[in-house]
C-alpha atoms as a PDB file:
ATOM      1  CA  MET A   1      72.529 103.691 100.827  1.00  0.00           C
ATOM      2  CA  PRO A   2      74.608 105.889 103.199  1.00  0.00           C
ATOM      3  CA  PRO A   3      77.544 104.423 105.412  1.00  0.00           C
ATOM      4  CA  ARG A   4      76.312 103.427 108.916  1.00  0.00           C
ATOM      5  CA  THR A   5      77.150 106.056 111.111  1.00  0.00           C
ATOM      6  CA  ASP A   6      77.847 104.598 115.044  1.00  0.00           C
ATOM      7  CA  LEU A   7      81.678 103.487 114.376  1.00  0.00           C
ATOM      8  CA  PRO A   8      83.386 106.321 116.795  1.00  0.00           C
ATOM      9  CA  LEU A   9      85.566 107.993 114.008  1.00  0.00           C
ATOM     10  CA  LEU A  10      88.372 110.405 115.371  1.00  0.00           C
ATOM     11  CA  CYS A  11      89.285 113.203 113.799  1.00  0.00           C
ATOM     12  CA  PRO A  12      92.785 112.900 111.964  1.00  0.00           C
ATOM     13  CA  VAL A  13      94.287 116.462 113.118  1.00  0.00           C
ATOM     14  CA  CYS A  14      93.118 117.066 116.505  1.00  0.00           C
ATOM     15  CA  ALA A  15      91.771 113.618 117.472  1.00  0.00           C
ATOM     16  CA  ALA A  16      88.127 114.421 118.200  1.00  0.00           C
ATOM     17  CA  PRO A  17      85.098 112.135 117.477  1.00  0.00           C
ATOM     18  CA  LEU A  18      84.380 112.523 113.955  1.00  0.00           C
ATOM     19  CA  THR A  19      80.298 113.054 112.892  1.00  0.00           C
ATOM     20  CA  PHE A  20      78.645 112.219 109.356  1.00  0.00           C
ATOM     21  CA  THR A  21      76.268 114.302 107.863  1.00  0.00           C
ATOM     22  CA  ALA A  22      74.371 113.317 105.183  1.00  0.00           C
ATOM     23  CA  ALA A  23      73.583 115.209 101.813  1.00  0.00           C
ATOM     24  CA  GLU A  24      71.965 115.875  99.264  1.00  0.00           C
ATOM     25  CA  PRO A  25      72.559 113.514  95.923  1.00  0.00           C
ATOM     26  CA  PRO A  26      74.777 113.253  94.635  1.00  0.00           C
ATOM     27  CA  ASN A  27      76.855 114.505  97.391  1.00  0.00           C
ATOM     28  CA  PRO A  28      77.449 111.713  99.220  1.00  0.00           C
ATOM     29  CA  GLY A  29      77.913 113.611 102.553  1.00  0.00           C
ATOM     30  CA  ARG A  30      80.201 114.504 105.389  1.00  0.00           C
ATOM     31  CA  LEU A  31      82.737 114.273 107.895  1.00  0.00           C
ATOM     32  CA  ALA A  32      83.422 116.641 110.841  1.00  0.00           C
ATOM     33  CA  CYS A  33      84.281 117.218 114.455  1.00  0.00           C
ATOM     34  CA  ALA A  34      83.852 120.096 116.490  1.00  0.00           C
ATOM     35  CA  ALA A  35      87.147 122.139 115.839  1.00  0.00           C
ATOM     36  CA  ARG A  36      85.968 122.567 112.045  1.00  0.00           C
ATOM     37  CA  HIS A  37      87.800 120.091 110.409  1.00  0.00           C
ATOM     38  CA  SER A  38      85.997 119.021 108.095  1.00  0.00           C
ATOM     39  CA  PHE A  39      85.791 115.759 105.552  1.00  0.00           C
ATOM     40  CA  ASP A  40      84.231 115.941 102.477  1.00  0.00           C
ATOM     41  CA  ALA A  41      83.457 112.062 100.421  1.00  0.00           C
ATOM     42  CA  ALA A  42      84.343 111.852  96.977  1.00  0.00           C
ATOM     43  CA  ARG A  43      82.042 111.448  94.524  1.00  0.00           C
ATOM     44  CA  GLN A  44      82.107 107.504  95.062  1.00  0.00           C
ATOM     45  CA  GLY A  45      81.551 107.939  98.375  1.00  0.00           C
ATOM     46  CA  TYR A  46      84.577 106.494 100.074  1.00  0.00           C
ATOM     47  CA  PHE A  47      86.649 109.523 102.409  1.00  0.00           C
ATOM     48  CA  ASN A  48      90.033 110.175 102.030  1.00  0.00           C
ATOM     49  CA  LEU A  49      91.452 111.392 105.680  1.00  0.00           C
ATOM     50  CA  LEU A  50      95.234 111.224 105.046  1.00  0.00           C
ATOM     51  CA  VAL A  51      96.203 115.379 105.651  1.00  0.00           C
ATOM     52  CA  GLY A  52      99.805 116.784 105.839  1.00  0.00           C
ATOM     53  CA  LYS A  53     101.610 114.567 103.794  1.00  0.00           C
ATOM     54  CA  GLY A  54      99.702 111.945 103.708  1.00  0.00           C
ATOM     55  CA  THR A  55     101.964 108.818 103.108  1.00  0.00           C
ATOM     56  CA  ALA A  56     105.207 107.522 101.624  1.00  0.00           C
ATOM     57  CA  PHE A  57     103.814 103.964 100.532  1.00  0.00           C
ATOM     58  CA  GLU A  58     102.985 102.922  97.196  1.00  0.00           C
ATOM     59  CA  ALA A  59      99.512 102.116  96.370  1.00  0.00           C
ATOM     60  CA  ASP A  60      98.092  99.642  94.302  1.00  0.00           C
ATOM     61  CA  SER A  61      97.542 101.585  91.067  1.00  0.00           C
ATOM     62  CA  ALA A  62      94.332 101.827  89.429  1.00  0.00           C
ATOM     63  CA  ALA A  63      94.858  99.231  86.637  1.00  0.00           C
ATOM     64  CA  MET A  64      96.280  96.453  89.444  1.00  0.00           C
ATOM     65  CA  VAL A  65      92.528  97.595  91.118  1.00  0.00           C
ATOM     66  CA  ASP A  66      90.959  96.832  88.007  1.00  0.00           C
ATOM     67  CA  ALA A  67      92.723  93.596  88.042  1.00  0.00           C
ATOM     68  CA  ARG A  68      92.048  92.728  91.597  1.00  0.00           C
ATOM     69  CA  PHE A  69      88.334  93.936  90.878  1.00  0.00           C
ATOM     70  CA  ASN A  70      87.734  91.334  87.851  1.00  0.00           C
ATOM     71  CA  PHE A  71      89.341  87.938  89.043  1.00  0.00           C
ATOM     72  CA  LEU A  72      87.907  88.751  92.571  1.00  0.00           C
ATOM     73  CA  SER A  73      84.184  89.310  91.349  1.00  0.00           C
ATOM     74  CA  ARG A  74      84.617  86.181  89.380  1.00  0.00           C
ATOM     75  CA  GLY A  75      84.681  84.328  92.982  1.00  0.00           C
ATOM     76  CA  HIS A  76      88.038  82.448  92.086  1.00  0.00           C
ATOM     77  CA  TYR A  77      88.751  83.531  96.130  1.00  0.00           C
ATOM     78  CA  ARG A  78      84.460  83.632  97.358  1.00  0.00           C
ATOM     79  CA  PRO A  79      85.956  80.371  99.742  1.00  0.00           C
ATOM     80  CA  LEU A  80      88.652  82.148 101.732  1.00  0.00           C
ATOM     81  CA  ALA A  81      86.304  85.413 101.802  1.00  0.00           C
ATOM     82  CA  GLN A  82      83.758  82.376 103.716  1.00  0.00           C
ATOM     83  CA  ALA A  83      86.360  81.108 105.843  1.00  0.00           C
ATOM     84  CA  VAL A  84      87.100  85.062 106.872  1.00  0.00           C
ATOM     85  CA  ALA A  85      83.952  85.334 107.798  1.00  0.00           C
ATOM     86  CA  ALA A  86      83.116  81.660 109.489  1.00  0.00           C
ATOM     87  CA  ALA A  87      86.122  83.265 112.056  1.00  0.00           C
ATOM     88  CA  VAL A  88      84.488  86.341 112.832  1.00  0.00           C
ATOM     89  CA  VAL A  89      81.076  86.347 112.593  1.00  0.00           C
ATOM     90  CA  PRO A  90      81.102  83.940 115.945  1.00  0.00           C
ATOM     91  CA  VAL A  91      83.125  86.849 117.829  1.00  0.00           C
ATOM     92  CA  LEU A  92      80.400  89.702 117.478  1.00  0.00           C
ATOM     93  CA  SER A  93      78.554  91.165 120.573  1.00  0.00           C
ATOM     94  CA  GLY A  94      76.221  92.762 121.636  1.00  0.00           C
ATOM     95  CA  ASP A  95      73.978  94.991 119.903  1.00  0.00           C
ATOM     96  CA  ARG A  96      76.443  97.109 118.269  1.00  0.00           C
ATOM     97  CA  PRO A  97      78.940  94.973 116.469  1.00  0.00           C
ATOM     98  CA  ALA A  98      81.646  96.627 115.058  1.00  0.00           C
ATOM     99  CA  VAL A  99      83.907  95.250 112.337  1.00  0.00           C
ATOM    100  CA  LEU A 100      87.692  97.036 110.330  1.00  0.00           C
ATOM    101  CA  ASP A 101      89.121  95.352 107.485  1.00  0.00           C
ATOM    102  CA  SER A 102      92.277  96.929 107.553  1.00  0.00           C
ATOM    103  CA  GLY A 103      93.271  96.818 103.971  1.00  0.00           C
ATOM    104  CA  THR A 104      90.202  96.311 102.620  1.00  0.00           C
ATOM    105  CA  GLY A 105      91.068  96.674  98.711  1.00  0.00           C
ATOM    106  CA  THR A 106      88.420  96.449  96.938  1.00  0.00           C
ATOM    107  CA  GLY A 107      85.688  95.281  99.630  1.00  0.00           C
ATOM    108  CA  HIS A 108      85.455  91.809  98.497  1.00  0.00           C
ATOM    109  CA  TYR A 109      85.996  90.523 101.487  1.00  0.00           C
ATOM    110  CA  LEU A 110      84.267  92.795 103.788  1.00  0.00           C
ATOM    111  CA  ARG A 111      80.996  91.830 101.418  1.00  0.00           C
ATOM    112  CA  GLU A 112      81.069  88.229 102.120  1.00  0.00           C
ATOM    113  CA  LEU A 113      81.511  88.857 106.114  1.00  0.00           C
ATOM    114  CA  LEU A 114      78.994  91.849 106.068  1.00  0.00           C
ATOM    115  CA  ASP A 115      75.981  89.390 104.186  1.00  0.00           C
ATOM    116  CA  THR A 116      76.958  86.188 105.981  1.00  0.00           C
ATOM    117  CA  ALA A 117      76.689  88.719 109.361  1.00  0.00           C
ATOM    118  CA  ALA A 118      73.201  89.391 108.098  1.00  0.00           C
ATOM    119  CA  ALA A 119      72.098  85.603 107.262  1.00  0.00           C
ATOM    120  CA  HIS A 120      72.916  85.035 111.314  1.00  0.00           C
ATOM    121  CA  GLY A 121      70.179  88.201 111.722  1.00  0.00           C
ATOM    122  CA  ARG A 122      73.414  90.807 112.683  1.00  0.00           C
ATOM    123  CA  THR A 123      73.781  94.154 111.388  1.00  0.00           C
ATOM    124  CA  VAL A 124      77.929  95.612 111.598  1.00  0.00           C
ATOM    125  CA  SER A 125      78.886  98.711 110.940  1.00  0.00           C
ATOM    126  CA  ALA A 126      81.822  98.627 109.446  1.00  0.00           C
ATOM    127  CA  ALA A 127      84.866 100.471 108.264  1.00  0.00           C
ATOM    128  CA  GLY A 128      87.722  99.472 105.623  1.00  0.00           C
ATOM    129  CA  LEU A 129      90.898 101.047 104.855  1.00  0.00           C
ATOM    130  CA  ASP A 130      92.879 101.579 102.342  1.00  0.00           C
ATOM    131  CA  ILE A 131      95.837 103.794 100.871  1.00  0.00           C
ATOM    132  CA  SER A 132      94.265 103.507  97.002  1.00  0.00           C
ATOM    133  CA  LYS A 133      91.676 105.664  96.102  1.00  0.00           C
ATOM    134  CA  PHE A 134      91.005 103.659  93.244  1.00  0.00           C
ATOM    135  CA  ALA A 135      90.213 100.282  95.478  1.00  0.00           C
ATOM    136  CA  LEU A 136      88.314 101.997  97.471  1.00  0.00           C
ATOM    137  CA  ARG A 137      86.156 103.855  94.639  1.00  0.00           C
ATOM    138  CA  ARG A 138      85.058 100.068  94.237  1.00  0.00           C
ATOM    139  CA  ALA A 139      84.608  98.982  97.561  1.00  0.00           C
ATOM    140  CA  ALA A 140      82.455 102.495  98.575  1.00  0.00           C
ATOM    141  CA  ARG A 141      80.652 101.167  95.820  1.00  0.00           C
ATOM    142  CA  LEU A 142      80.109  97.192  97.119  1.00  0.00           C
ATOM    143  CA  ASN A 143      79.884  98.674 100.450  1.00  0.00           C
ATOM    144  CA  PRO A 144      77.880 101.307 100.517  1.00  0.00           C
ATOM    145  CA  GLU A 145      76.951 101.189 104.395  1.00  0.00           C
ATOM    146  CA  ALA A 146      80.634 100.771 105.272  1.00  0.00           C
ATOM    147  CA  MET A 147      82.556 103.959 106.163  1.00  0.00           C
ATOM    148  CA  ASN A 148      85.070 103.339 103.191  1.00  0.00           C
ATOM    149  CA  LEU A 149      88.287 106.084 104.254  1.00  0.00           C
ATOM    150  CA  VAL A 150      91.486 106.170 102.778  1.00  0.00           C
ATOM    151  CA  TRP A 151      94.691 105.707 104.948  1.00  0.00           C
ATOM    152  CA  ASP A 152      97.847 104.516 105.818  1.00  0.00           C
ATOM    153  CA  ILE A 153      98.052 101.637 108.280  1.00  0.00           C
ATOM    154  CA  TRP A 154     101.522 103.138 109.916  1.00  0.00           C
ATOM    155  CA  GLN A 155     100.061 106.024 111.637  1.00  0.00           C
ATOM    156  CA  PRO A 156      97.148 106.219 114.251  1.00  0.00           C
ATOM    157  CA  LEU A 157      93.996 104.761 113.479  1.00  0.00           C
ATOM    158  CA  PRO A 158      90.875 107.157 112.546  1.00  0.00           C
ATOM    159  CA  LEU A 159      89.336 105.253 115.317  1.00  0.00           C
ATOM    160  CA  ALA A 160      88.294 105.363 118.990  1.00  0.00           C
ATOM    161  CA  ALA A 161      90.036 102.925 121.558  1.00  0.00           C
ATOM    162  CA  ASN A 162      88.241  99.712 122.484  1.00  0.00           C
ATOM    163  CA  SER A 163      85.703 100.203 119.633  1.00  0.00           C
ATOM    164  CA  VAL A 164      85.150  97.184 116.964  1.00  0.00           C
ATOM    165  CA  ASP A 165      84.801  93.758 117.625  1.00  0.00           C
ATOM    166  CA  ALA A 166      87.251  91.884 114.559  1.00  0.00           C
ATOM    167  CA  VAL A 167      89.921  93.517 112.765  1.00  0.00           C
ATOM    168  CA  THR A 168      90.663  91.528 109.614  1.00  0.00           C
ATOM    169  CA  VAL A 169      94.127  92.131 107.090  1.00  0.00           C
ATOM    170  CA  ILE A 170      94.018  90.362 104.101  1.00  0.00           C
ATOM    171  CA  PHE A 171      97.392  90.225 102.637  1.00  0.00           C
ATOM    172  CA  ALA A 172      97.980  93.561 104.020  1.00  0.00           C
ATOM    173  CA  PRO A 173     100.381  95.059 106.577  1.00  0.00           C
ATOM    174  CA  ARG A 174      99.670  94.658 110.080  1.00  0.00           C
ATOM    175  CA  ASN A 175      99.952  97.360 112.180  1.00  0.00           C
ATOM    176  CA  ALA A 176      99.680  95.325 115.985  1.00  0.00           C
ATOM    177  CA  ALA A 177      99.667  98.456 118.520  1.00  0.00           C
ATOM    178  CA  GLU A 178      97.163 100.397 116.511  1.00  0.00           C
ATOM    179  CA  PHE A 179      94.747  96.844 116.135  1.00  0.00           C
ATOM    180  CA  ALA A 180      95.196  95.817 119.464  1.00  0.00           C
ATOM    181  CA  ARG A 181      94.134  99.504 120.882  1.00  0.00           C
ATOM    182  CA  VAL A 182      90.658  99.460 118.553  1.00  0.00           C
ATOM    183  CA  LEU A 183      89.657  95.714 119.730  1.00  0.00           C
ATOM    184  CA  ARG A 184      87.192  95.997 122.187  1.00  0.00           C
ATOM    185  CA  THR A 185      87.317  92.883 125.198  1.00  0.00           C
ATOM    186  CA  GLY A 186      86.987  89.520 123.593  1.00  0.00           C
ATOM    187  CA  GLY A 187      87.933  90.436 120.126  1.00  0.00           C
ATOM    188  CA  ARG A 188      90.428  89.133 117.624  1.00  0.00           C
ATOM    189  CA  LEU A 189      92.505  89.859 114.929  1.00  0.00           C
ATOM    190  CA  VAL A 190      92.055  87.760 111.615  1.00  0.00           C
ATOM    191  CA  VAL A 191      95.061  87.635 108.990  1.00  0.00           C
ATOM    192  CA  VAL A 192      95.505  86.005 105.882  1.00  0.00           C
ATOM    193  CA  THR A 193      98.546  85.169 104.161  1.00  0.00           C
ATOM    194  CA  PRO A 194      99.912  83.095 101.426  1.00  0.00           C
ATOM    195  CA  ARG A 195     101.977  79.606 101.960  1.00  0.00           C
ATOM    196  CA  GLU A 196     104.767  78.111 100.308  1.00  0.00           C
ATOM    197  CA  GLY A 197     103.490  76.411  97.541  1.00  0.00           C
ATOM    198  CA  HIS A 198     100.905  79.602  96.698  1.00  0.00           C
ATOM    199  CA  LEU A 199     100.212  78.870  93.286  1.00  0.00           C
ATOM    200  CA  ALA A 200     103.865  77.671  92.634  1.00  0.00           C
ATOM    201  CA  GLY A 201     102.493  76.321  89.064  1.00  0.00           C
ATOM    202  CA  ILE A 202     102.389  80.062  87.763  1.00  0.00           C
ATOM    203  CA  ALA A 203     104.224  81.883  90.245  1.00  0.00           C
ATOM    204  CA  ALA A 204     107.732  82.110  88.358  1.00  0.00           C
ATOM    205  CA  LEU A 205     106.089  82.134  85.066  1.00  0.00           C
ATOM    206  CA  ALA A 206     104.053  85.515  85.492  1.00  0.00           C
ATOM    207  CA  GLY A 207     106.816  87.400  87.434  1.00  0.00           C
ATOM    208  CA  MET A 208     104.832  86.865  90.659  1.00  0.00           C
ATOM    209  CA  LEU A 209     106.727  87.299  93.944  1.00  0.00           C
ATOM    210  CA  ALA A 210     107.871  84.246  95.775  1.00  0.00           C
ATOM    211  CA  ILE A 211     106.810  83.562  98.680  1.00  0.00           C
ATOM    212  CA  GLU A 212     109.375  84.366 101.545  1.00  0.00           C
ATOM    213  CA  GLU A 213     110.585  80.940 104.055  1.00  0.00           C
ATOM    214  CA  GLY A 214     109.581  81.536 107.773  1.00  0.00           C
ATOM    215  CA  LYS A 215     106.684  83.824 107.008  1.00  0.00           C
ATOM    216  CA  ASP A 216     104.627  82.695 109.460  1.00  0.00           C
ATOM    217  CA  ALA A 217     107.402  82.935 112.578  1.00  0.00           C
ATOM    218  CA  ARG A 218     108.044  86.291 111.058  1.00  0.00           C
ATOM    219  CA  LEU A 219     104.222  86.971 111.423  1.00  0.00           C
ATOM    220  CA  ALA A 220     103.524  85.915 115.128  1.00  0.00           C
ATOM    221  CA  ALA A 221     107.012  87.497 116.314  1.00  0.00           C
ATOM    222  CA  ALA A 222     105.618  90.940 114.911  1.00  0.00           C
ATOM    223  CA  MET A 223     101.894  90.285 116.565  1.00  0.00           C
ATOM    224  CA  ALA A 224     103.830  89.259 120.008  1.00  0.00           C
ATOM    225  CA  ARG A 225     103.840  92.022 121.716  1.00  0.00           C
ATOM    226  CA  HIS A 226      99.741  92.189 121.959  1.00  0.00           C
ATOM    227  CA  PHE A 227      98.542  89.401 120.282  1.00  0.00           C
ATOM    228  CA  GLU A 228      98.382  85.550 120.642  1.00  0.00           C
ATOM    229  CA  VAL A 229      98.116  82.583 118.505  1.00  0.00           C
ATOM    230  CA  GLU A 230      94.719  81.470 119.404  1.00  0.00           C
ATOM    231  CA  GLU A 231      94.409  79.003 116.174  1.00  0.00           C
ATOM    232  CA  SER A 232      95.779  78.404 112.570  1.00  0.00           C
ATOM    233  CA  SER A 233      94.184  76.971 109.751  1.00  0.00           C
ATOM    234  CA  ASP A 234      94.965  76.464 106.053  1.00  0.00           C
ATOM    235  CA  VAL A 235      92.708  77.907 103.072  1.00  0.00           C
ATOM    236  CA  ASP A 236      93.722  75.487  99.753  1.00  0.00           C
ATOM    237  CA  ILE A 237      91.601  76.970  96.411  1.00  0.00           C
ATOM    238  CA  PRO A 238      92.531  74.455  93.251  1.00  0.00           C
ATOM    239  CA  LEU A 239      91.722  76.922  90.511  1.00  0.00           C
ATOM    240  CA  ALA A 240      91.846  76.456  86.854  1.00  0.00           C
ATOM    241  CA  LEU A 241      91.964  79.872  85.064  1.00  0.00           C
ATOM    242  CA  ASN A 242      92.170  80.969  81.844  1.00  0.00           C
ATOM    243  CA  ARG A 243      95.034  82.791  80.537  1.00  0.00           C
ATOM    244  CA  GLU A 244      92.781  86.359  81.270  1.00  0.00           C
ATOM    245  CA  ASP A 245      92.435  85.462  84.346  1.00  0.00           C
ATOM    246  CA  ALA A 246      95.935  84.061  85.703  1.00  0.00           C
ATOM    247  CA  ALA A 247      97.079  87.592  83.726  1.00  0.00           C
ATOM    248  CA  ASP A 248      94.549  89.063  86.694  1.00  0.00           C
ATOM    249  CA  LEU A 249      95.460  86.930  89.463  1.00  0.00           C
ATOM    250  CA  ALA A 250      99.656  87.442  88.303  1.00  0.00           C
ATOM    251  CA  PHE A 251      98.959  92.069  87.668  1.00  0.00           C
ATOM    252  CA  MET A 252      96.440  92.024  91.140  1.00  0.00           C
ATOM    253  CA  GLY A 253      99.496  91.633  93.789  1.00  0.00           C
ATOM    254  CA  PRO A 254     103.046  92.908  94.494  1.00  0.00           C
ATOM    255  CA  ALA A 255     104.253  92.335  91.063  1.00  0.00           C
ATOM    256  CA  GLY A 256     101.549  94.942  89.614  1.00  0.00           C
ATOM    257  CA  HIS A 257     104.418  98.041  90.854  1.00  0.00           C
ATOM    258  CA  HIS A 258     107.117  96.750  88.869  1.00  0.00           C
ATOM    259  CA  THR A 259     105.825  94.951  85.671  1.00  0.00           C
ATOM    260  CA  ASP A 260     102.613  95.456  83.716  1.00  0.00           C
ATOM    261  CA  ARG A 261      99.718  93.314  82.618  1.00  0.00           C
ATOM    262  CA  GLU A 262     100.930  93.094  79.198  1.00  0.00           C
ATOM    263  CA  ALA A 263     104.082  91.607  79.818  1.00  0.00           C
ATOM    264  CA  ILE A 264     102.284  89.059  82.117  1.00  0.00           C
ATOM    265  CA  VAL A 265      99.894  87.730  79.000  1.00  0.00           C
ATOM    266  CA  ALA A 266     102.946  87.804  77.024  1.00  0.00           C
ATOM    267  CA  ARG A 267     104.523  85.436  79.883  1.00  0.00           C
ATOM    268  CA  LEU A 268     101.706  82.983  79.651  1.00  0.00           C
ATOM    269  CA  SER A 269     100.974  83.386  76.025  1.00  0.00           C
ATOM    270  CA  GLY A 270     102.036  80.059  75.033  1.00  0.00           C
ATOM    271  CA  ILE A 271     100.524  78.035  77.888  1.00  0.00           C
ATOM    272  CA  PRO A 272      97.613  75.766  77.359  1.00  0.00           C
ATOM    273  CA  GLU A 273      94.526  76.336  79.513  1.00  0.00           C
ATOM    274  CA  PRO A 274      93.295  76.041  81.774  1.00  0.00           C
ATOM    275  CA  LEU A 275      95.728  76.669  83.909  1.00  0.00           C
ATOM    276  CA  ARG A 276      95.562  74.431  87.065  1.00  0.00           C
ATOM    277  CA  VAL A 277      97.115  76.310  89.982  1.00  0.00           C
ATOM    278  CA  GLU A 278      96.260  76.073  93.371  1.00  0.00           C
ATOM    279  CA  ALA A 279      95.679  78.793  95.827  1.00  0.00           C
ATOM    280  CA  LYS A 280      97.657  78.225  99.530  1.00  0.00           C
ATOM    281  CA  PHE A 281      96.551  80.577 102.782  1.00  0.00           C
ATOM    282  CA  ARG A 282      96.945  80.493 106.291  1.00  0.00           C
ATOM    283  CA  LEU A 283      94.094  82.408 108.217  1.00  0.00           C
ATOM    284  CA  THR A 284      95.362  83.338 111.629  1.00  0.00           C
ATOM    285  CA  VAL A 285      93.069  84.808 114.941  1.00  0.00           C
ATOM    286  CA  PHE A 286      94.586  86.481 116.874  1.00  0.00           C
ATOM    287  CA  ARG A 287      93.905  87.444 120.457  1.00  0.00           C
ATOM    288  CA  PRO A 288      94.765  90.620 122.122  1.00  0.00           C
ATOM    289  CA  ARG A 289      97.302  90.261 125.368  1.00  0.00           C
ATOM    290  CA  LEU A 290      96.072  90.553 128.551  1.00  0.00           C
ATOM    291  CA  PRO A 291      97.592  93.731 130.627  1.00  0.00           C
ATOM    292  CA  ASP A 292      99.727  91.671 132.351  1.00  0.00           C
ATOM    293  CA  GLY A 293     101.178  89.751 129.435  1.00  0.00           C
ATOM    294  CA  THR A 294      98.602  86.289 129.535  1.00  0.00           C
END
């Protein structure tokens, strides 16, 4: 399945519109602008739009991505994906609805959103951004109809202004100014963050990073120039995990950048199964501030 091509993508070199051209298999296709800057898809179906020095940020490794894919594929966080989809589908507008999943990772949350929209009779154009090519290899296979793009969220987004109905950000950085630029009138930004007590039963034992105090207040403050909170809700998911799942859960997050999975498995080796913990999330829906600040 080729990606839908009606999302207005911009060239990262000159900001001119990019046009998708399909190719004969196994070549997935090419993005190019009128100035002849072109970007061939990787054989897995994603596009790398980073040029020059790329990004200074550390991308998730292949091993971290494998752990995340395995964990999410078992459905442990599906209630969260369903909550995100439920928040987004009502704001899809017109006959060409579009979504940006910023920090798409392996694409599981976007897959749930696209399927939910389809169940409501809506066909959605989507772009998934991530700095990890390993994650996008998975995402492109899971969401072949989306434009899966290697990109640094702190750079200007390769999307035209007023081009999407919703931006979703699930455990990923937030570029408020750029999100506000690409959202259409009436669009919404949906952000998911962990709450205090998230995975408290295994976090310390597995070497996971603690949830910072005052996270919600800092989030609202960081978004305040461009967004205001419309609503916020909690999503709690009780989990009963075997040690392999628990190790994947710990390793797939930030802890994976400073430890290895084998060390996590060793820390969990003496814990009886199932390991019962609770995932605690906050889902916040932001609406853009109007030009007069209201």
